[in-house]
Every structure is written in C-alpha cells, then in structure tokens.
Amino acid sequence: MKLMVVGGGGREHAIIKKLKENPAIDTIYALPGNGGIAADAVCVGIAATDISGIVDFAVENGIDYAVVAPDDPLVLGCVDRLEEKGIPCFGPKANAAIIEGSKIFSKDLMKKYGIPTASYQTFNDMQSALEYLETADMPIVIKADGLALGKGVIIAENRDDAKQAVISMMQDKQFGKSGENIVIEEFLTGPEVSVLSFTDGKTVVPMISSMDHKRAGDNDTGLNTGGMGTVAPNPYYTKEIADRCMKEIFIPTIDAMNREGRTFKGCLYFGLMITAKGPKVIEYNCRFGDPETQVVLPLLESDLYTVMRAVTDGKLAECDVRFSDKHAACVIMASKGYPVHYEKGYPITIPDTVADSVYVAGAALKDGQLVTSGGRVLGVTAVDNTLKSALDMAYEKVRKITFENAYYRRDIGQRALKAEV
C-alpha cells in the first residue's frame, strides 16, 4: 500500500512515524517533506500548495491513500481535487476547511448556532475598526480573517497597541490578503486547552487534550510563535469540562457544519479557553495542530491508518480509538532569533539513541548532512507515567542534540505541573 502525506513540518513527521507502525503500508511519500522526514518517507519536491502537482503525482504513482495535513492545501481544495481522481483522503473538503480559512465564517457560525465563544465585531474597512476601538474595553484581541501561519492574532493590552495592530493588518498588509477583513473580539481569561478530534461528520472522537506554549520566551514572554512546546494531557481539562465541551461545543459544531451543507471529515481542532463561565471556543483549526500532534499521536494506541480510514469511509463509530493513560511532553528546539530573524544552514547532530523521539520541522539535507533551514527546527518528545518524568526525559534528550544557535524554552510544562498539585 502506498500513502502520500502532504506537508513538510514536525506535524507531518509525527503523522508519518505513526502511520509507519502499520505493516501493510509499504511506502510513504512526503510532499514536500524535509531533510529529517527523509529518514522515514520518500520526499518529493512538490510544494504543499501546488495542488495540480500533488494531484498529478498521486495519479501517476498509484497512491492508495492521501493525508492532507496543512491548512493551506485544505482551504485550496486539495482533498476535493484528489477525491475527484478517485484517491481517498484524510482531511476536509474546501467548503468545510473554511472553518479555519475564515475567522469571520467561524465566528458567525458559532453565533448562529449558540456555540460559546468571545463576543466580537467584524470589519472590512480600517476607519470603522479604529472608531470601534475608541470605546472598546482593553485588553482586546485583533484577528486577521484568513490564514496567517498561526500568527494572525494580536492581543493588544492598550488602545494604542490595538490601533497599531489594525493598521498593520489592514493598511500595511502584514498578513497580505488575510488581513483585508478582521475580527475584533473580547479578551477572555482562563487556562487554554487544545483538543484535536477525529470526526467523519457524524461521530466525533476527541483525542487526548494538550497544552501549547505559544510565546517565544520563558514565563510566556516575547512574541507569539507557532508553538515552543506542548504537554498532554492538559490537567485543566477535567472530565466535567470534557463532558460540557462534548455537549455544548463539539457535537453542536459538527451539527452546525452539517446544517450549513459543509460536512467536516478529518481532524477538527478545538482551541478552547476555560473561563469562569465555562469553556469557550477561541479558534477552530481544520487539521492537526503543530506541535500538539507531537504529544497526542505518541499516546494513540490504536492504528492511525485504521482510524483515518474509518473517518474517510464514514465508519468512525465502528472504530476502536484508544489512548494511553501516560503523559507526553514535547520541547521545540528553534533557531535563536525565531520568530523574527535567524540564521540557517547549521549542521544538526542527533544521536541514534534519541532519533525515534525527534520530529523534524525545519531542516534540510546538504551533502548528506542535516542542517537547519527554519525557525522551529525540531521537536523532542518523551512519554512516561507522570508529566514530571516525561518532561525530565524530554529535556535530557534535548541536551543530547546539538546545532549552532539552538534555542529552547526551559519552562515547558511548568504551569501544567502546578495545576496538578
């Protein structure tokens, strides 16, 4: 059996390593993959946004099943195009991927169907947005409507910062076309929780909850990033909260998408905040989160391909989806200066003793040597019986990996450890 995974980051590496556990899978192609993924899959130099190139490759190489992992190709209709050619896929079609592709769509969906979220206003001209900010409560959240590599959200502490955020999005085009329309929403407080879920449009099966660490610096300082580390499960996500989320958020979201004629099949990511008034949705993603995937999939005891196929075939209710009761921790090793400016091309040394625990995100092969090629270079994951021991193991592995300009947070999981007490 030949599989194809579209994407080239740490998330895709985690998906590929998990899929490889199925002995029926002979070959996995990664489009485009990266230098580290090349150890586990055949990398093909076709960009994840080159939909025609992806479809042509799949047809010419007799791909039996495709996993479309990143947001861009999903929103661009990669699944639609592949399925038109008879290739079964894991991932939503474009009309369902809009749940991440447009924040205005997702906010309006939640408002229409009574799904708890922050109050908000939407704007398509800058002057109206700036006038609204004159009387709005601070802090406040400004979001670009479209995709922005996970960076299109700015939390403004004061009015001046809020206005500058609007100007940077709408006038300066910081996020290109994604910022032509914006959402300004109420600032919520409480612990954040990420819950990825499998869904075939009828059944929804939440995965293990996780806690992301977005800020670049220790103690949640510095700029927002794509994620500097994760732990799972999230101690704030109690059984009571999980039950409420299923009843008030997860099932209502799947039902709402069905009623809108946008049946969602794939991985639906719920970014939640546990407020004093209960759980509320901060954001939806139409795919596996990164780096949440690097702690969630190592805890999956069921065969990933079997689960994905059940999603595609609409048979998730018949599938046994099991997760370990252990804990997982992932520490991201980045290039110093990320997410702004950083140097590339430094050789990476990963000892064989830790290679199985490493998910490569931003690295290339140069004359057979793995070298840095991105801001987030790799994620290092450990699984153990307690969160404390998993974190200790992850950091022990991190210290064995070397590359010049390596940077990582030293406080991943500390908030979670305090919450466990």
Protein backbone atom coordinates (compact mmCIF):
# COMPACT_ATOMS: atom_id res chain seq x y z
CA MET A 1 0.00 0.00 0.00
CA LYS A 2 1.33 3.45 -0.97
CA LEU A 3 0.44 6.52 1.07
CA MET A 4 1.07 10.21 0.49
CA VAL A 5 1.32 12.84 3.23
CA VAL A 6 1.08 16.45 2.08
CA GLY A 7 3.19 18.85 4.16
CA GLY A 8 6.71 19.25 5.41
CA GLY A 9 6.90 20.08 9.12
CA GLY A 10 7.09 18.48 12.54
CA ARG A 11 3.38 17.66 12.48
CA GLU A 12 3.80 15.74 9.24
CA HIS A 13 6.84 13.92 10.63
CA ALA A 14 4.76 12.81 13.65
CA ILE A 15 1.93 11.63 11.37
CA ILE A 16 4.36 9.71 9.14
CA LYS A 17 6.12 8.00 12.06
CA LYS A 18 2.75 6.89 13.45
CA LEU A 19 1.50 5.65 10.07
CA LYS A 20 4.69 3.61 9.62
CA GLU A 21 3.62 1.41 12.52
CA ASN A 22 1.10 -0.27 10.18
CA PRO A 23 2.90 -3.18 8.44
CA ALA A 24 0.53 -3.07 5.44
CA ILE A 25 1.99 0.30 4.40
CA ASP A 26 4.91 -0.24 2.03
CA THR A 27 5.84 3.31 1.05
CA ILE A 28 5.01 6.77 2.34
CA TYR A 29 5.68 9.80 0.13
CA ALA A 30 6.01 13.24 1.74
CA LEU A 31 5.21 16.29 -0.40
CA PRO A 32 7.49 18.15 0.07
CA GLY A 33 8.74 16.67 3.35
CA ASN A 34 12.06 17.91 4.75
CA GLY A 35 15.59 16.69 5.48
CA GLY A 36 14.55 14.92 8.66
CA ILE A 37 11.39 13.39 7.26
CA ALA A 38 13.59 11.84 4.54
CA ALA A 39 14.67 9.23 7.11
CA ASP A 40 11.07 7.95 7.34
CA ALA A 41 9.48 8.71 3.96
CA VAL A 42 10.32 9.36 0.31
CA CYS A 43 10.41 13.15 -0.01
CA VAL A 44 9.15 14.64 -3.26
CA GLY A 45 9.90 18.28 -4.08
CA ILE A 46 6.33 19.38 -4.70
CA ALA A 47 5.06 22.28 -2.58
CA ALA A 48 2.06 21.66 -0.34
CA THR A 49 0.21 24.46 -2.15
CA ASP A 50 0.90 23.09 -5.65
CA ILE A 51 -2.45 21.34 -5.87
CA SER A 52 -2.13 20.36 -9.54
CA GLY A 53 1.36 18.95 -8.94
CA ILE A 54 0.13 16.96 -5.94
CA VAL A 55 -2.81 15.51 -7.86
CA ASP A 56 -0.66 14.62 -10.87
CA PHE A 57 1.90 12.88 -8.65
CA ALA A 58 -0.80 10.90 -6.82
CA VAL A 59 -2.36 9.69 -10.06
CA GLU A 60 0.94 8.85 -11.76
CA ASN A 61 2.26 6.93 -8.74
CA GLY A 62 -0.89 4.99 -7.89
CA ILE A 63 -1.33 6.45 -4.40
CA ASP A 64 -3.78 4.36 -2.37
CA TYR A 65 -4.49 6.93 0.34
CA ALA A 66 -3.58 10.57 0.98
CA VAL A 67 -3.31 12.58 4.18
CA VAL A 68 -3.52 16.33 3.59
CA ALA A 69 -2.11 17.82 6.78
CA PRO A 70 -1.58 21.63 6.48
CA ASP A 71 -4.27 24.30 6.38
CA ASP A 72 -3.33 25.95 3.06
CA PRO A 73 -3.86 22.95 0.75
CA LEU A 74 -7.06 22.02 2.59
CA VAL A 75 -8.50 25.51 2.11
CA LEU A 76 -7.33 25.44 -1.52
CA GLY A 77 -9.35 22.26 -2.16
CA CYS A 78 -6.62 19.62 -2.30
CA VAL A 79 -8.95 16.93 -0.92
CA ASP A 80 -11.66 17.84 -3.42
CA ARG A 81 -9.24 17.51 -6.33
CA LEU A 82 -7.74 14.21 -5.13
CA GLU A 83 -11.14 12.64 -4.50
CA GLU A 84 -12.25 13.69 -7.98
CA LYS A 85 -9.45 11.42 -9.23
CA GLY A 86 -10.66 8.55 -7.04
CA ILE A 87 -7.97 8.88 -4.36
CA PRO A 88 -9.38 8.57 -0.82
CA CYS A 89 -8.16 11.24 1.59
CA PHE A 90 -7.97 12.20 5.23
CA GLY A 91 -8.92 15.84 5.57
CA PRO A 92 -11.90 18.12 4.97
CA LYS A 93 -13.02 19.46 1.63
CA ALA A 94 -12.58 23.17 0.94
CA ASN A 95 -16.15 24.09 1.89
CA ALA A 96 -15.56 22.62 5.37
CA ALA A 97 -11.93 23.81 5.74
CA ILE A 98 -13.35 27.35 5.71
CA ILE A 99 -13.93 26.85 9.44
CA GLU A 100 -10.23 27.76 9.76
CA GLY A 101 -9.82 29.56 6.45
CA SER A 102 -12.12 32.39 7.57
CA LYS A 103 -12.35 33.52 11.19
CA ILE A 104 -15.37 35.60 10.27
CA PHE A 105 -17.12 32.46 8.99
CA SER A 106 -16.32 30.52 12.16
CA LYS A 107 -17.40 33.34 14.49
CA ASP A 108 -20.66 33.82 12.59
CA LEU A 109 -21.23 30.04 12.70
CA MET A 110 -20.83 29.97 16.47
CA LYS A 111 -23.12 32.97 16.90
CA LYS A 112 -25.81 31.45 14.66
CA TYR A 113 -25.80 28.08 16.45
CA GLY A 114 -25.24 29.26 20.03
CA ILE A 115 -21.75 27.78 20.44
CA PRO A 116 -19.96 29.58 23.30
CA THR A 117 -17.23 31.99 22.17
CA ALA A 118 -15.99 35.51 22.84
CA SER A 119 -18.22 38.42 21.77
CA TYR A 120 -16.93 40.08 18.59
CA GLN A 121 -17.30 42.54 15.74
CA THR A 122 -16.11 42.14 12.14
CA PHE A 123 -14.69 44.90 9.92
CA ASN A 124 -13.81 45.32 6.26
CA ASP A 125 -12.62 48.92 6.44
CA MET A 126 -9.92 50.32 8.70
CA GLN A 127 -11.62 53.55 9.75
CA SER A 128 -14.64 51.74 11.20
CA ALA A 129 -12.35 49.39 13.12
CA LEU A 130 -10.33 52.30 14.55
CA GLU A 131 -13.51 54.13 15.59
CA TYR A 132 -14.79 50.98 17.33
CA LEU A 133 -11.56 50.75 19.34
CA GLU A 134 -12.12 54.25 20.78
CA THR A 135 -14.73 52.88 23.19
CA ALA A 136 -13.88 49.16 23.36
CA ASP A 137 -12.69 47.55 26.59
CA MET A 138 -8.99 46.68 26.87
CA PRO A 139 -7.19 44.31 26.56
CA ILE A 140 -8.69 43.23 23.25
CA VAL A 141 -7.96 40.66 20.54
CA ILE A 142 -7.47 41.52 16.86
CA LYS A 143 -7.52 38.66 14.33
CA ALA A 144 -6.81 38.58 10.60
CA ASP A 145 -9.72 36.82 8.90
CA GLY A 146 -7.64 34.47 6.74
CA LEU A 147 -4.74 32.08 7.20
CA ALA A 148 -1.54 33.65 8.57
CA LEU A 149 0.74 30.75 9.57
CA GLY A 150 -0.78 30.76 13.05
CA LYS A 151 0.46 34.32 13.67
CA GLY A 152 -2.57 36.39 12.62
CA VAL A 153 -3.78 37.02 16.18
CA ILE A 154 -2.65 40.01 18.23
CA ILE A 155 -3.58 40.57 21.87
CA ALA A 156 -3.47 44.34 22.49
CA GLU A 157 -3.05 45.48 26.09
CA ASN A 158 -3.99 49.10 25.37
CA ARG A 159 -5.77 51.29 22.81
CA ASP A 160 -2.60 52.42 21.02
CA ASP A 161 -1.39 48.86 20.51
CA ALA A 162 -4.85 47.83 19.31
CA LYS A 163 -4.94 50.61 16.73
CA GLN A 164 -1.43 49.76 15.54
CA ALA A 165 -2.48 46.11 15.13
CA VAL A 166 -5.42 47.15 12.95
CA ILE A 167 -3.23 49.45 10.86
CA SER A 168 -0.55 46.76 10.40
CA MET A 169 -3.16 44.26 9.20
CA MET A 170 -5.46 46.41 7.10
CA GLN A 171 -3.17 49.18 5.78
CA ASP A 172 0.35 47.73 5.93
CA LYS A 173 -0.81 44.28 4.76
CA GLN A 174 1.28 42.47 7.39
CA PHE A 175 -0.61 39.26 6.60
CA GLY A 176 -1.37 40.04 2.95
CA LYS A 177 -4.94 39.39 1.82
CA SER A 178 -5.64 37.54 5.09
CA GLY A 179 -5.87 40.90 6.88
CA GLU A 180 -8.23 42.64 4.45
CA ASN A 181 -11.07 41.67 6.80
CA ILE A 182 -10.57 41.42 10.55
CA VAL A 183 -12.29 40.26 13.72
CA ILE A 184 -12.05 42.29 16.92
CA GLU A 185 -13.14 40.26 19.89
CA GLU A 186 -13.46 40.27 23.66
CA PHE A 187 -10.37 39.24 25.62
CA LEU A 188 -11.10 36.05 27.56
CA THR A 189 -9.16 34.82 30.58
CA GLY A 190 -8.56 31.32 31.88
CA PRO A 191 -6.48 28.24 31.09
CA GLU A 192 -6.16 27.39 27.38
CA VAL A 193 -6.74 23.84 26.17
CA SER A 194 -6.20 22.28 22.74
CA VAL A 195 -8.44 19.35 21.81
CA LEU A 196 -7.88 17.64 18.47
CA SER A 197 -10.70 15.37 17.36
CA PHE A 198 -11.38 12.74 14.73
CA THR A 199 -14.72 13.19 13.01
CA ASP A 200 -16.43 11.66 10.00
CA GLY A 201 -19.21 14.25 10.06
CA LYS A 202 -21.46 12.04 12.18
CA THR A 203 -19.34 10.86 15.10
CA VAL A 204 -16.76 12.96 16.92
CA VAL A 205 -13.96 11.32 18.93
CA PRO A 206 -11.84 13.78 20.91
CA MET A 207 -8.16 12.94 21.27
CA ILE A 208 -6.09 13.48 24.40
CA SER A 209 -6.14 17.15 25.44
CA SER A 210 -2.94 19.17 25.33
CA MET A 211 -1.41 22.47 26.45
CA ASP A 212 0.57 24.58 23.97
CA HIS A 213 3.20 27.21 24.82
CA LYS A 214 2.98 29.95 22.20
CA ARG A 215 5.34 32.65 23.46
CA ALA A 216 8.99 32.59 22.41
CA GLY A 217 10.45 33.18 25.86
CA ASP A 218 10.34 31.56 29.29
CA ASN A 219 7.45 32.55 31.58
CA ASP A 220 5.33 33.28 28.49
CA THR A 221 7.33 36.33 27.43
CA GLY A 222 8.27 37.51 23.96
CA LEU A 223 6.49 37.21 20.63
CA ASN A 224 3.86 34.67 19.67
CA THR A 225 5.24 31.70 17.74
CA GLY A 226 3.89 28.61 16.04
CA GLY A 227 4.44 26.83 19.37
CA MET A 228 7.51 26.24 21.57
CA GLY A 229 6.34 23.07 23.28
CA THR A 230 3.38 21.02 24.41
CA VAL A 231 2.28 18.61 27.11
CA ALA A 232 -0.56 16.08 27.18
CA PRO A 233 -2.97 15.55 28.77
CA ASN A 234 -3.86 19.08 29.92
CA PRO A 235 -4.61 19.00 33.68
CA TYR A 236 -7.18 21.78 33.36
CA TYR A 237 -9.29 19.61 31.06
CA THR A 238 -11.21 17.67 33.69
CA LYS A 239 -13.90 15.06 32.99
CA GLU A 240 -16.56 17.63 33.90
CA ILE A 241 -15.12 20.14 31.41
CA ALA A 242 -14.77 17.41 28.75
CA ASP A 243 -18.42 16.43 29.17
CA ARG A 244 -19.52 20.06 28.83
CA CYS A 245 -17.37 20.54 25.73
CA MET A 246 -18.85 17.47 24.07
CA LYS A 247 -22.40 18.65 24.77
CA GLU A 248 -22.01 22.42 24.26
CA ILE A 249 -19.22 22.67 21.66
CA PHE A 250 -18.06 19.52 19.85
CA ILE A 251 -21.36 17.95 18.79
CA PRO A 252 -23.04 21.33 18.12
CA THR A 253 -20.14 22.30 15.83
CA ILE A 254 -20.38 19.10 13.79
CA ASP A 255 -24.17 19.50 13.60
CA ALA A 256 -23.84 23.17 12.57
CA MET A 257 -21.45 22.33 9.75
CA ASN A 258 -23.83 19.61 8.52
CA ARG A 259 -26.76 22.03 8.56
CA GLU A 260 -24.70 24.50 6.54
CA GLY A 261 -24.02 21.81 3.93
CA ARG A 262 -20.34 21.74 4.91
CA THR A 263 -19.90 18.28 6.42
CA PHE A 264 -16.49 18.12 8.11
CA LYS A 265 -14.44 14.92 7.83
CA GLY A 266 -10.89 14.79 9.17
CA CYS A 267 -9.22 16.29 12.22
CA LEU A 268 -11.10 19.21 13.74
CA TYR A 269 -9.04 21.15 16.27
CA PHE A 270 -10.80 22.99 19.07
CA GLY A 271 -8.80 25.80 20.70
CA LEU A 272 -10.60 26.36 23.99
CA MET A 273 -10.42 28.66 26.98
CA ILE A 274 -11.82 27.51 30.32
CA THR A 275 -13.40 30.76 31.55
CA ALA A 276 -15.25 31.45 34.80
CA LYS A 277 -18.45 30.97 32.77
CA GLY A 278 -17.34 27.65 31.30
CA PRO A 279 -15.44 26.52 28.20
CA LYS A 280 -15.48 28.80 25.14
CA VAL A 281 -14.04 28.41 21.65
CA ILE A 282 -11.05 30.64 20.86
CA GLU A 283 -10.47 29.15 17.42
CA TYR A 284 -11.06 26.18 15.16
CA ASN A 285 -8.37 24.58 13.02
CA CYS A 286 -9.26 22.28 10.12
CA ARG A 287 -6.27 19.97 10.75
CA PHE A 288 -3.87 18.51 13.30
CA GLY A 289 -2.21 21.20 15.41
CA ASP A 290 1.54 21.74 15.43
CA PRO A 291 3.17 20.97 17.86
CA GLU A 292 0.17 19.38 19.64
CA THR A 293 0.35 16.43 17.25
CA GLN A 294 3.83 15.62 18.57
CA VAL A 295 2.39 14.76 22.02
CA VAL A 296 -1.07 13.49 21.06
CA LEU A 297 -0.12 10.86 18.46
CA PRO A 298 2.57 9.20 20.61
CA LEU A 299 -0.22 8.49 23.11
CA LEU A 300 -2.51 6.93 20.48
CA GLU A 301 -2.62 3.16 20.99
CA SER A 302 -4.89 2.43 18.02
CA ASP A 303 -3.51 2.16 14.49
CA LEU A 304 -3.59 5.64 12.96
CA TYR A 305 -4.22 4.49 9.39
CA THR A 306 -7.20 2.37 10.53
CA VAL A 307 -8.70 5.36 12.35
CA MET A 308 -8.09 7.72 9.43
CA ARG A 309 -9.65 5.27 7.00
CA ALA A 310 -12.72 4.95 9.26
CA VAL A 311 -13.06 8.74 9.14
CA THR A 312 -12.84 8.76 5.34
CA ASP A 313 -15.34 5.91 5.00
CA GLY A 314 -17.83 7.37 7.48
CA LYS A 315 -17.38 4.45 9.87
CA LEU A 316 -15.75 6.15 12.86
CA ALA A 317 -18.49 4.92 15.21
CA GLU A 318 -17.34 1.35 14.47
CA CYS A 319 -13.66 2.11 15.12
CA ASP A 320 -11.89 1.47 18.42
CA VAL A 321 -9.91 4.65 19.20
CA ARG A 322 -7.77 4.20 22.30
CA PHE A 323 -5.22 6.44 24.00
CA SER A 324 -2.65 5.62 26.65
CA ASP A 325 -3.14 6.97 30.16
CA LYS A 326 0.52 8.09 30.20
CA HIS A 327 1.85 11.63 29.81
CA ALA A 328 3.75 13.18 26.88
CA ALA A 329 5.94 16.27 26.67
CA CYS A 330 7.45 17.95 23.60
CA VAL A 331 10.15 20.65 23.67
CA ILE A 332 10.76 22.63 20.47
CA MET A 333 14.35 23.38 19.56
CA ALA A 334 14.39 26.58 17.49
CA SER A 335 16.95 28.82 15.83
CA LYS A 336 17.95 31.76 18.03
CA GLY A 337 16.06 34.85 16.89
CA TYR A 338 12.88 32.98 15.89
CA PRO A 339 10.18 34.11 15.09
CA VAL A 340 11.79 37.26 13.62
CA HIS A 341 15.28 36.81 12.13
CA TYR A 342 17.50 33.77 12.38
CA GLU A 343 20.45 32.18 10.58
CA LYS A 344 20.16 28.92 8.66
CA GLY A 345 22.46 26.19 7.42
CA TYR A 346 23.99 24.95 10.69
CA PRO A 347 24.75 21.20 10.93
CA ILE A 348 22.49 19.24 13.31
CA THR A 349 23.71 16.28 15.35
CA ILE A 350 21.02 13.87 16.58
CA PRO A 351 22.37 10.77 18.38
CA ASP A 352 20.79 7.46 17.33
CA THR A 353 19.68 6.93 20.94
CA VAL A 354 17.15 9.79 20.70
CA ALA A 355 16.29 9.80 16.97
CA ASP A 356 12.99 7.95 17.46
CA SER A 357 11.79 10.79 19.71
CA VAL A 358 12.61 13.61 17.29
CA TYR A 359 10.15 15.22 14.87
CA VAL A 360 11.97 17.42 12.37
CA ALA A 361 10.29 20.65 11.28
CA GLY A 362 12.84 22.99 9.73
CA ALA A 363 15.86 21.11 8.40
CA ALA A 364 17.32 20.21 5.03
CA LEU A 365 19.84 17.68 3.77
CA LYS A 366 23.04 19.21 2.41
CA ASP A 367 25.61 16.73 1.09
CA GLY A 368 24.09 14.08 3.34
CA GLN A 369 24.24 16.29 6.44
CA LEU A 370 21.10 17.52 8.21
CA VAL A 371 21.25 21.33 8.54
CA THR A 372 18.89 23.95 9.97
CA SER A 373 16.54 25.56 7.45
CA GLY A 374 13.75 27.08 9.55
CA GLY A 375 12.82 28.89 12.74
CA ARG A 376 11.41 25.88 14.55
CA VAL A 377 13.98 23.20 13.76
CA LEU A 378 12.70 20.13 15.58
CA GLY A 379 10.55 18.84 18.41
CA VAL A 380 11.76 16.37 21.02
CA THR A 381 9.08 14.22 22.66
CA ALA A 382 9.09 11.88 25.64
CA VAL A 383 6.33 9.67 27.07
CA ASP A 384 6.25 8.40 30.65
CA ASN A 385 3.97 7.59 33.56
CA THR A 386 3.96 11.13 35.00
CA LEU A 387 4.20 14.58 33.47
CA LYS A 388 7.26 15.38 35.59
CA SER A 389 9.17 12.32 34.40
CA ALA A 390 8.11 12.90 30.76
CA LEU A 391 9.40 16.47 30.96
CA ASP A 392 12.66 15.38 32.56
CA MET A 393 13.17 12.80 29.82
CA ALA A 394 12.37 15.29 27.05
CA TYR A 395 14.90 17.83 28.33
CA GLU A 396 17.50 15.10 28.82
CA LYS A 397 17.10 14.22 25.13
CA VAL A 398 17.23 17.89 24.10
CA ARG A 399 20.61 18.28 25.76
CA LYS A 400 22.00 15.48 23.58
CA ILE A 401 21.06 17.24 20.32
CA THR A 402 23.34 19.98 19.04
CA PHE A 403 23.32 22.70 16.40
CA GLU A 404 24.73 26.22 16.45
CA ASN A 405 22.27 28.93 17.55
CA ALA A 406 19.96 26.35 19.16
CA TYR A 407 17.34 27.87 21.44
CA TYR A 408 14.56 26.34 23.52
CA ARG A 409 12.32 27.31 26.40
CA ARG A 410 13.30 25.80 29.73
CA ASP A 411 9.89 26.04 31.39
CA ILE A 412 7.69 23.86 29.17
CA GLY A 413 5.04 22.14 31.30
CA GLN A 414 5.61 24.15 34.47
CA ARG A 415 2.08 25.62 34.51
CA ALA A 416 0.69 22.12 33.99
CA LEU A 417 2.79 20.74 36.86
CA LYS A 418 1.45 23.47 39.20
CA ALA A 419 -2.10 22.68 38.13
CA GLU A 420 -1.63 19.02 39.04
CA VAL A 421 -0.83 19.85 42.69
